[in-house]
Amino acid sequence: MKFDFSTLSPIERYKLISSTVVPRPIAWVSSCDAEGRPNAGPFSFFNAFGEDPPVLGFAINDRRPGDRKDTGRNIRETGDFVVNMVAEHQAAEMNITAAEFRPEVDEFAEAGLEAVPSEMVRAPRIGGSPVSFECKLLQIVELGPHRSLVLGRIVLMHVVDEAVRDAVRYHIDTPRLRLLGRMQGNWYVRTADALEIPRIVPGPDKIAE
């Protein structure tokens, strides 16, 4: 089958992309507005894009043109946010924060989450998250009338002690994080089941210069 994206509606393209680009990591983004009111929401169009500078990016899909979601509006106001990774035991709470609440509703309170003060940004961290990245806004790329790509520079990273295998060598015990990944629709995947594939080393005559 072939699908010509120029003939498809946005929702049809979304179905095809979200059901094949899997699993996707989940950015559980916490932010706050100019008055300090907290907000939290998950985004699965998300990934890391480099280490120099260290950059994370996630895409926000607005309900309609000009109708900024709370997360995007908060980041534009304050210039910072936190990307928290979602552990298996936090699936229910994450799902609550995915609901379309009114701007004045506190998602932390609705989901029973602990707002932990960050050290280098105004936005709080989500208590219990195994990994949290404090980020300063780097750039917002407007991809279209509904979707924008938020790029943030990581300034501080938090990892639960039990998942740090060797702090001196920066080795993390990734399976112990028990992270969730996003699949299609309302389906998710556990990431602890890993398959190791040793990297191939070319012969001397085939090594890139």
Protein backbone atom coordinates (compact mmCIF):
# COMPACT_ATOMS: atom_id res chain seq x y z
CA MET A 1 0.00 0.00 0.00
CA LYS A 2 1.07 3.57 -0.71
CA PHE A 3 -0.27 6.68 1.01
CA ASP A 4 0.09 10.06 -0.70
CA PHE A 5 0.25 12.50 2.21
CA SER A 6 -0.70 15.43 -0.02
CA THR A 7 -4.18 13.88 -0.39
CA LEU A 8 -4.73 13.06 3.29
CA SER A 9 -6.21 15.06 6.15
CA PRO A 10 -4.07 15.83 9.22
CA ILE A 11 -5.85 13.19 11.32
CA GLU A 12 -5.29 10.56 8.63
CA ARG A 13 -1.58 11.41 8.51
CA TYR A 14 -1.45 11.30 12.30
CA LYS A 15 -2.94 7.79 12.36
CA LEU A 16 -0.34 6.52 9.91
CA ILE A 17 2.62 8.20 11.61
CA SER A 18 1.69 7.43 15.21
CA SER A 19 1.00 3.76 14.48
CA THR A 20 4.31 3.15 12.71
CA VAL A 21 6.87 5.42 14.39
CA VAL A 22 6.91 3.32 17.57
CA PRO A 23 7.71 3.04 20.36
CA ARG A 24 8.04 6.72 21.14
CA PRO A 25 9.44 8.07 24.41
CA ILE A 26 7.05 10.20 26.45
CA ALA A 27 7.91 13.71 27.58
CA TRP A 28 5.89 14.34 30.73
CA VAL A 29 6.36 18.09 30.66
CA SER A 30 5.91 20.18 33.78
CA SER A 31 5.74 23.95 33.57
CA CYS A 32 4.29 26.93 35.38
CA ASP A 33 2.77 30.22 34.33
CA ALA A 34 4.05 33.68 35.21
CA GLU A 35 2.16 33.53 38.53
CA GLY A 36 3.73 30.18 39.44
CA ARG A 37 0.69 27.98 38.86
CA PRO A 38 1.91 24.49 37.84
CA ASN A 39 0.89 22.43 34.83
CA ALA A 40 1.74 18.94 33.60
CA GLY A 41 1.01 17.07 30.39
CA PRO A 42 2.45 14.18 28.32
CA PHE A 43 3.74 14.50 24.75
CA SER A 44 4.91 11.54 22.68
CA PHE A 45 6.18 13.39 19.63
CA PHE A 46 9.41 13.74 21.59
CA ASN A 47 13.10 12.89 21.53
CA ALA A 48 16.67 14.01 22.27
CA PHE A 49 18.48 15.83 19.48
CA GLY A 50 22.06 16.23 20.60
CA GLU A 51 24.59 16.59 23.37
CA ASP A 52 26.51 19.73 22.33
CA PRO A 53 24.36 21.62 23.09
CA PRO A 54 22.25 19.09 25.01
CA VAL A 55 18.80 19.46 23.44
CA LEU A 56 15.40 17.87 23.99
CA GLY A 57 12.43 18.58 21.75
CA PHE A 58 8.73 17.84 21.83
CA ALA A 59 5.83 18.88 19.61
CA ILE A 60 2.61 20.45 20.84
CA ASN A 61 -0.59 20.04 18.85
CA ASP A 62 -2.99 22.91 19.56
CA ARG A 63 -6.73 22.37 19.37
CA ARG A 64 -7.14 25.19 16.83
CA PRO A 65 -4.97 27.96 15.34
CA GLY A 66 -4.00 30.48 18.00
CA ASP A 67 -5.38 28.36 20.85
CA ARG A 68 -2.17 27.68 22.75
CA LYS A 69 -2.21 24.77 25.13
CA ASP A 70 -1.22 25.52 28.71
CA THR A 71 2.23 23.97 28.32
CA GLY A 72 3.14 26.04 25.27
CA ARG A 73 1.75 29.23 26.75
CA ASN A 74 3.64 28.70 30.02
CA ILE A 75 6.93 28.04 28.27
CA ARG A 76 6.52 31.16 26.16
CA GLU A 77 5.87 33.19 29.33
CA THR A 78 8.64 31.81 31.54
CA GLY A 79 11.25 30.41 29.14
CA ASP A 80 11.74 27.13 30.95
CA PHE A 81 10.23 23.70 31.60
CA VAL A 82 11.04 20.22 32.90
CA VAL A 83 10.85 17.00 30.90
CA ASN A 84 10.04 14.12 33.24
CA MET A 85 10.21 10.54 32.01
CA VAL A 86 7.25 8.27 32.79
CA ALA A 87 7.78 5.11 34.83
CA GLU A 88 5.42 2.14 34.66
CA HIS A 89 3.99 2.86 38.11
CA GLN A 90 3.02 6.38 37.00
CA ALA A 91 0.89 5.32 34.02
CA ALA A 92 -2.45 6.18 35.64
CA GLU A 93 -1.28 9.60 36.82
CA MET A 94 0.22 10.39 33.41
CA ASN A 95 -3.06 9.47 31.76
CA ILE A 96 -4.96 11.87 34.03
CA THR A 97 -2.71 14.76 33.03
CA ALA A 98 -3.37 13.98 29.35
CA ALA A 99 -7.01 15.09 29.77
CA GLU A 100 -8.07 18.45 28.30
CA PHE A 101 -8.49 20.40 31.53
CA ARG A 102 -9.32 24.11 31.62
CA PRO A 103 -6.30 26.42 32.11
CA GLU A 104 -7.17 27.13 35.75
CA VAL A 105 -7.20 23.42 36.69
CA ASP A 106 -4.09 22.16 38.51
CA GLU A 107 -3.08 18.86 36.88
CA PHE A 108 -0.73 18.11 39.77
CA ALA A 109 -3.67 18.17 42.16
CA GLU A 110 -5.98 16.24 39.82
CA ALA A 111 -3.44 13.42 39.41
CA GLY A 112 -2.19 13.48 42.99
CA LEU A 113 1.32 14.42 41.90
CA GLU A 114 4.01 16.00 44.05
CA ALA A 115 5.44 19.24 42.67
CA VAL A 116 9.13 19.13 43.56
CA PRO A 117 11.03 22.45 43.31
CA SER A 118 13.63 22.49 40.55
CA GLU A 119 17.11 23.90 41.10
CA MET A 120 17.83 25.86 37.91
CA VAL A 121 14.39 26.58 36.42
CA ARG A 122 11.08 27.90 37.76
CA ALA A 123 8.99 24.94 36.63
CA PRO A 124 8.59 22.16 39.21
CA ARG A 125 9.63 18.56 38.69
CA ILE A 126 7.17 15.68 38.98
CA GLY A 127 7.86 13.73 42.14
CA GLY A 128 8.48 10.03 41.58
CA SER A 129 9.68 10.42 38.01
CA PRO A 130 12.87 8.35 37.60
CA VAL A 131 14.48 10.93 35.31
CA SER A 132 13.86 14.66 35.04
CA PHE A 133 15.56 17.18 32.76
CA GLU A 134 15.46 20.84 33.76
CA CYS A 135 15.42 22.80 30.50
CA LYS A 136 15.78 26.39 29.32
CA LEU A 137 13.86 27.29 26.19
CA LEU A 138 16.14 27.26 23.16
CA GLN A 139 13.68 27.78 20.32
CA ILE A 140 10.08 27.26 19.29
CA VAL A 141 9.62 26.25 15.66
CA GLU A 142 6.14 26.83 14.26
CA LEU A 143 5.53 23.79 12.07
CA GLY A 144 2.03 24.76 10.96
CA PRO A 145 -1.21 26.36 12.16
CA HIS A 146 -1.68 23.73 14.87
CA ARG A 147 1.69 22.24 15.76
CA SER A 148 4.87 23.74 17.19
CA LEU A 149 8.19 22.15 18.08
CA VAL A 150 9.63 23.21 21.44
CA LEU A 151 13.39 22.83 21.77
CA GLY A 152 15.00 23.08 25.19
CA ARG A 153 18.60 23.12 26.38
CA ILE A 154 19.18 20.74 29.28
CA VAL A 155 20.75 22.54 32.24
CA LEU A 156 20.35 19.89 34.95
CA MET A 157 19.43 16.20 35.00
CA HIS A 158 18.01 14.21 37.91
CA VAL A 159 18.19 10.39 38.02
CA VAL A 160 16.97 8.13 40.84
CA ASP A 161 19.93 6.79 42.81
CA GLU A 162 19.09 3.12 42.27
CA ALA A 163 19.38 3.51 38.49
CA VAL A 164 22.85 5.08 38.57
CA ARG A 165 25.25 2.20 38.00
CA ASP A 166 28.46 4.27 38.03
CA ALA A 167 28.25 8.05 38.58
CA VAL A 168 31.94 8.61 37.84
CA ARG A 169 31.66 6.98 34.41
CA TYR A 170 28.08 8.27 33.81
CA HIS A 171 26.64 4.79 33.41
CA ILE A 172 22.88 4.45 33.90
CA ASP A 173 21.09 1.15 34.48
CA THR A 174 18.39 1.90 31.92
CA PRO A 175 16.18 -1.19 32.50
CA ARG A 176 15.85 -0.22 36.18
CA LEU A 177 14.14 3.02 35.14
CA ARG A 178 11.11 0.96 34.04
CA LEU A 179 10.05 3.59 31.52
CA LEU A 180 6.90 3.56 29.40
CA GLY A 181 6.87 4.09 25.64
CA ARG A 182 3.94 5.22 23.52
CA MET A 183 2.47 3.05 20.81
CA GLN A 184 -0.62 3.70 18.68
CA GLY A 185 -3.93 4.97 20.07
CA ASN A 186 -4.20 4.24 23.78
CA TRP A 187 -1.52 1.55 23.74
CA TYR A 188 1.81 1.75 25.56
CA VAL A 189 4.83 -0.50 25.85
CA ARG A 190 7.24 -1.42 28.65
CA THR A 191 10.86 -0.73 27.74
CA ALA A 192 12.59 -3.11 30.15
CA ASP A 193 12.65 -5.94 27.56
CA ALA A 194 15.82 -5.07 25.65
CA LEU A 195 17.69 -6.83 22.86
CA GLU A 196 21.44 -6.28 22.63
CA ILE A 197 22.97 -6.21 19.14
CA PRO A 198 26.78 -5.75 19.12
CA ARG A 199 27.99 -3.03 16.76
CA ILE A 200 29.86 -4.16 13.65
CA VAL A 201 33.45 -2.90 13.34
CA PRO A 202 34.60 -2.59 9.69
CA GLY A 203 37.97 -3.88 8.59
CA PRO A 204 40.93 -1.47 8.38
CA ASP A 205 40.37 -0.86 4.66
CA LYS A 206 36.71 0.13 5.24
CA ILE A 207 36.95 2.43 8.26
CA ALA A 208 35.79 5.98 7.54
CA GLU A 209 38.53 8.60 7.77
